[in-house]
Amino acid sequence: MDLKNKKGIIINHKKIIRIMNKYNLITKIRRRNPYRNMFKKTQEHRFFPNILNREFKENIPYRKLSTDITYVYFNNRKAYLSVVKDIATKEVLSWQPSTSLSMNIVLNTINKLNKHNLTKETLIHSDQGFHYTNPEYIQKIKELNIIQSMSRKGKCIDNCPIESFFGHFKDEVDYKECKTFEELSDKIEEYINYYNNERYQWNLKKMTPVQYRNHLLSQKS
């Protein structure tokens, strides 16, 4: 269209594509998303129903978990943080910072759940992102013998418990001041330990997440 209207040159768009491919010319605008392309190339990626269905009220620890990945910018660099949070206690059960969005970021996060008392009734909820529909992730969830649930497409409110944690983290941590990824990782760990063990919350009967978890478990026993 540009060639025709500005230069008076009429040329078939398929020929333009052939020329671009020949000289490896790639537009900077609307580059292809590599994860979307990978998703289209495989039929193994699976979606799961929204079993959680915004039922965020829970008084049994380890029954409903929420997980997601967020961007963390520091020192003109981009990192990522994967987190799993217990909906009942608001405790962060596992996390993994990374400079890469490879599958390892979620697999490592899930592997760390082994130290917690998960049961056959445990449900883990995520969005429909590439990582969570990936066969490797699905297999890992099966190995833990827990139930997989997913938000509806474009409905971030379906997974608001984890978004709430990310909001607190970004409001309360000066992560942008970090100079190295190692410094960022230390700051993330320091905050999560504070969040779990020292940050009292009104909705948890004025307890910390760990205190509230112990409180619920003692009532159950």
Protein backbone atom coordinates (compact mmCIF):
# COMPACT_ATOMS: atom_id res chain seq x y z
CA MET A 1 0.00 0.00 0.00
CA ASP A 2 2.84 2.36 0.88
CA LEU A 3 4.69 1.64 -2.40
CA LYS A 4 1.52 2.14 -4.44
CA ASN A 5 0.33 5.36 -2.79
CA LYS A 6 3.68 7.09 -2.18
CA LYS A 7 5.91 5.73 -4.96
CA GLY A 8 3.42 4.75 -7.63
CA ILE A 9 4.87 1.22 -7.66
CA ILE A 10 2.40 -1.62 -8.06
CA ILE A 11 3.75 -4.94 -6.82
CA ASN A 12 2.14 -8.13 -5.54
CA HIS A 13 2.43 -8.57 -1.76
CA LYS A 14 3.63 -12.16 -2.21
CA LYS A 15 6.62 -10.91 -4.19
CA ILE A 16 7.43 -8.47 -1.39
CA ILE A 17 7.35 -11.37 1.08
CA ARG A 18 9.73 -13.38 -1.15
CA ILE A 19 12.15 -10.43 -1.34
CA MET A 20 12.00 -9.92 2.43
CA ASN A 21 12.68 -13.59 3.05
CA LYS A 22 15.56 -13.61 0.55
CA TYR A 23 17.37 -10.74 2.28
CA ASN A 24 16.19 -11.65 5.81
CA LEU A 25 14.28 -8.39 6.20
CA ILE A 26 12.12 -8.39 9.34
CA THR A 27 9.89 -5.49 10.38
CA LYS A 28 10.39 -4.05 13.86
CA ILE A 29 6.65 -3.56 14.20
CA ARG A 30 4.51 -6.48 15.35
CA ARG A 31 7.28 -9.05 15.47
CA ARG A 32 6.03 -12.59 15.81
CA ASN A 33 5.69 -13.84 19.35
CA PRO A 34 7.99 -16.91 19.58
CA TYR A 35 5.82 -18.51 22.25
CA ARG A 36 2.70 -18.06 20.13
CA ASN A 37 4.47 -19.66 17.18
CA MET A 38 5.61 -22.57 19.36
CA PHE A 39 2.06 -22.98 20.61
CA LYS A 40 0.70 -23.16 17.06
CA LYS A 41 3.24 -25.80 16.07
CA THR A 42 2.13 -28.33 18.67
CA GLN A 43 -1.19 -29.96 19.43
CA GLU A 44 0.03 -31.19 22.82
CA HIS A 45 -0.74 -27.96 24.65
CA ARG A 46 -3.92 -28.36 26.67
CA PHE A 47 -6.38 -26.08 28.41
CA PHE A 48 -8.15 -26.98 31.65
CA PRO A 49 -11.52 -25.83 33.01
CA ASN A 50 -11.81 -23.04 35.57
CA ILE A 51 -12.46 -25.31 38.55
CA LEU A 52 -11.52 -22.59 41.05
CA ASN A 53 -14.24 -20.32 39.56
CA ARG A 54 -13.30 -17.37 41.80
CA GLU A 55 -14.03 -19.35 44.97
CA PHE A 56 -11.29 -17.57 46.90
CA LYS A 57 -12.69 -18.19 50.39
CA GLU A 58 -10.89 -21.17 51.88
CA ASN A 59 -9.95 -22.20 55.43
CA ILE A 60 -7.90 -25.31 54.71
CA PRO A 61 -4.18 -24.76 53.94
CA TYR A 62 -2.71 -26.29 50.78
CA ARG A 63 -6.13 -26.93 49.21
CA LYS A 64 -6.18 -24.03 46.71
CA LEU A 65 -2.99 -22.64 45.19
CA SER A 66 -2.54 -19.74 42.77
CA THR A 67 0.42 -19.31 40.41
CA ASP A 68 1.68 -16.86 37.80
CA ILE A 69 4.75 -15.05 36.43
CA THR A 70 5.44 -11.31 36.59
CA TYR A 71 8.03 -9.00 35.03
CA VAL A 72 10.62 -7.36 37.29
CA TYR A 73 12.74 -4.55 35.81
CA PHE A 74 16.08 -3.66 37.37
CA ASN A 75 19.15 -1.71 36.22
CA ASN A 76 17.70 -1.40 32.68
CA ARG A 77 17.29 -5.18 32.55
CA LYS A 78 14.29 -7.47 32.68
CA ALA A 79 13.85 -10.44 34.97
CA TYR A 80 10.89 -12.67 35.78
CA LEU A 81 9.41 -13.99 39.00
CA SER A 82 7.33 -17.16 39.21
CA VAL A 83 5.32 -17.65 42.40
CA VAL A 84 2.91 -20.16 43.95
CA LYS A 85 0.66 -18.80 46.71
CA ASP A 86 -1.72 -20.55 49.09
CA ILE A 87 -5.13 -18.89 48.73
CA ALA A 88 -6.29 -19.85 52.26
CA THR A 89 -3.29 -18.47 54.17
CA LYS A 90 -1.81 -16.07 51.59
CA GLU A 91 1.53 -17.75 52.24
CA VAL A 92 4.01 -17.83 49.34
CA LEU A 93 4.89 -21.51 49.12
CA SER A 94 7.50 -21.41 46.36
CA TRP A 95 9.11 -18.95 44.01
CA GLN A 96 11.73 -18.75 41.28
CA PRO A 97 13.38 -15.61 39.85
CA SER A 98 14.94 -15.93 36.42
CA THR A 99 16.41 -13.90 33.57
CA SER A 100 14.74 -16.27 31.11
CA LEU A 101 11.15 -17.25 30.31
CA SER A 102 12.14 -20.83 29.55
CA MET A 103 10.08 -23.68 31.02
CA ASN A 104 12.58 -24.02 33.87
CA ILE A 105 11.11 -21.00 35.63
CA VAL A 106 7.79 -22.76 36.28
CA LEU A 107 9.20 -26.29 36.61
CA ASN A 108 11.63 -25.18 39.30
CA THR A 109 8.81 -23.35 41.10
CA ILE A 110 6.62 -26.46 41.05
CA ASN A 111 9.47 -28.75 42.17
CA LYS A 112 9.81 -26.69 45.36
CA LEU A 113 6.23 -27.60 46.33
CA ASN A 114 7.42 -31.08 47.31
CA LYS A 115 8.32 -29.89 50.79
CA HIS A 116 4.72 -28.88 51.54
CA ASN A 117 1.84 -31.10 52.63
CA LEU A 118 -0.09 -31.25 49.37
CA THR A 119 -2.95 -33.72 49.03
CA LYS A 120 -5.12 -35.24 46.29
CA GLU A 121 -7.55 -32.38 46.93
CA THR A 122 -4.91 -29.72 46.22
CA LEU A 123 -5.82 -27.51 43.25
CA ILE A 124 -3.38 -25.20 41.46
CA HIS A 125 -4.84 -22.37 39.40
CA SER A 126 -3.11 -20.41 36.64
CA ASP A 127 -3.88 -18.44 33.50
CA GLN A 128 -3.78 -19.98 30.02
CA GLY A 129 -0.18 -18.91 29.38
CA PHE A 130 2.23 -20.95 27.29
CA HIS A 131 4.02 -22.35 30.34
CA TYR A 132 0.89 -23.68 32.01
CA THR A 133 -0.46 -25.42 28.90
CA ASN A 134 2.94 -26.97 28.18
CA PRO A 135 3.12 -30.79 28.35
CA GLU A 136 6.12 -30.62 30.71
CA TYR A 137 4.17 -28.55 33.23
CA ILE A 138 1.06 -30.72 32.90
CA GLN A 139 3.16 -33.84 33.52
CA LYS A 140 4.78 -32.27 36.59
CA ILE A 141 1.37 -31.43 38.04
CA LYS A 142 0.26 -35.02 37.44
CA GLU A 143 3.34 -36.31 39.24
CA LEU A 144 2.37 -34.23 42.26
CA ASN A 145 -1.11 -35.75 42.01
CA ILE A 146 -2.84 -32.37 42.22
CA ILE A 147 -5.66 -30.81 40.20
CA GLN A 148 -5.04 -28.24 37.46
CA SER A 149 -7.38 -25.28 36.96
CA MET A 150 -7.18 -22.32 34.54
CA SER A 151 -8.64 -18.85 34.24
CA ARG A 152 -10.89 -18.06 31.35
CA LYS A 153 -9.14 -16.35 28.46
CA GLY A 154 -8.58 -12.66 29.13
CA LYS A 155 -10.07 -12.83 32.66
CA CYS A 156 -7.16 -11.86 34.94
CA ILE A 157 -9.61 -11.40 37.83
CA ASP A 158 -10.00 -15.20 37.85
CA ASN A 159 -6.51 -15.34 39.35
CA CYS A 160 -6.53 -12.20 41.47
CA PRO A 161 -4.95 -13.75 44.63
CA ILE A 162 -1.55 -14.00 42.96
CA GLU A 163 -1.95 -10.61 41.30
CA SER A 164 -2.56 -9.14 44.76
CA PHE A 165 0.79 -10.49 45.98
CA PHE A 166 2.63 -9.13 42.93
CA GLY A 167 1.03 -5.73 43.61
CA HIS A 168 2.27 -5.68 47.21
CA PHE A 169 5.73 -6.82 46.14
CA LYS A 170 6.10 -4.05 43.54
CA ASP A 171 4.74 -1.40 45.91
CA GLU A 172 6.94 -2.35 48.85
CA VAL A 173 10.28 -3.43 47.35
CA ASP A 174 12.89 -1.13 45.76
CA TYR A 175 13.87 -3.83 43.28
CA LYS A 176 14.65 -1.29 40.54
CA GLU A 177 17.69 -0.21 42.56
CA CYS A 178 19.33 -3.65 42.25
CA LYS A 179 22.53 -3.68 40.20
CA THR A 180 22.82 -7.42 39.57
CA PHE A 181 20.46 -10.36 39.20
CA GLU A 182 21.98 -11.92 42.32
CA GLU A 183 21.14 -8.80 44.30
CA LEU A 184 17.60 -8.91 42.92
CA SER A 185 17.22 -12.57 43.88
CA ASP A 186 18.35 -11.84 47.43
CA LYS A 187 15.90 -8.96 47.70
CA ILE A 188 13.04 -11.14 46.46
CA GLU A 189 13.85 -13.86 48.99
CA GLU A 190 14.18 -11.31 51.79
CA TYR A 191 10.77 -9.81 50.99
CA ILE A 192 8.98 -13.15 50.68
CA ASN A 193 10.39 -14.28 54.03
CA TYR A 194 9.18 -10.99 55.51
CA TYR A 195 5.78 -11.34 53.81
CA ASN A 196 5.29 -14.88 55.11
CA ASN A 197 6.63 -14.43 58.64
CA GLU A 198 6.39 -10.77 59.66
CA ARG A 199 3.75 -8.98 57.58
CA TYR A 200 0.54 -9.02 59.64
CA GLN A 201 -2.74 -8.88 57.68
CA TRP A 202 -6.19 -7.80 58.83
CA ASN A 203 -7.96 -10.51 56.82
CA LEU A 204 -5.86 -13.19 58.54
CA LYS A 205 -7.13 -12.30 62.01
CA LYS A 206 -4.19 -9.89 62.30
CA MET A 207 -1.71 -12.75 61.89
CA THR A 208 1.09 -13.34 59.42
CA PRO A 209 0.51 -15.98 56.71
CA VAL A 210 2.63 -18.56 58.55
CA GLN A 211 0.91 -17.85 61.86
CA TYR A 212 -2.49 -18.13 60.20
CA ARG A 213 -1.53 -21.39 58.51
CA ASN A 214 -0.50 -22.86 61.86
CA HIS A 215 -3.70 -21.53 63.40
CA LEU A 216 -5.86 -23.24 60.75
CA LEU A 217 -3.95 -26.50 61.03
CA SER A 218 -4.31 -26.53 64.81
CA GLN A 219 -8.08 -26.05 64.48
CA LYS A 220 -8.27 -28.89 61.97
CA SER A 221 -6.43 -31.28 64.28
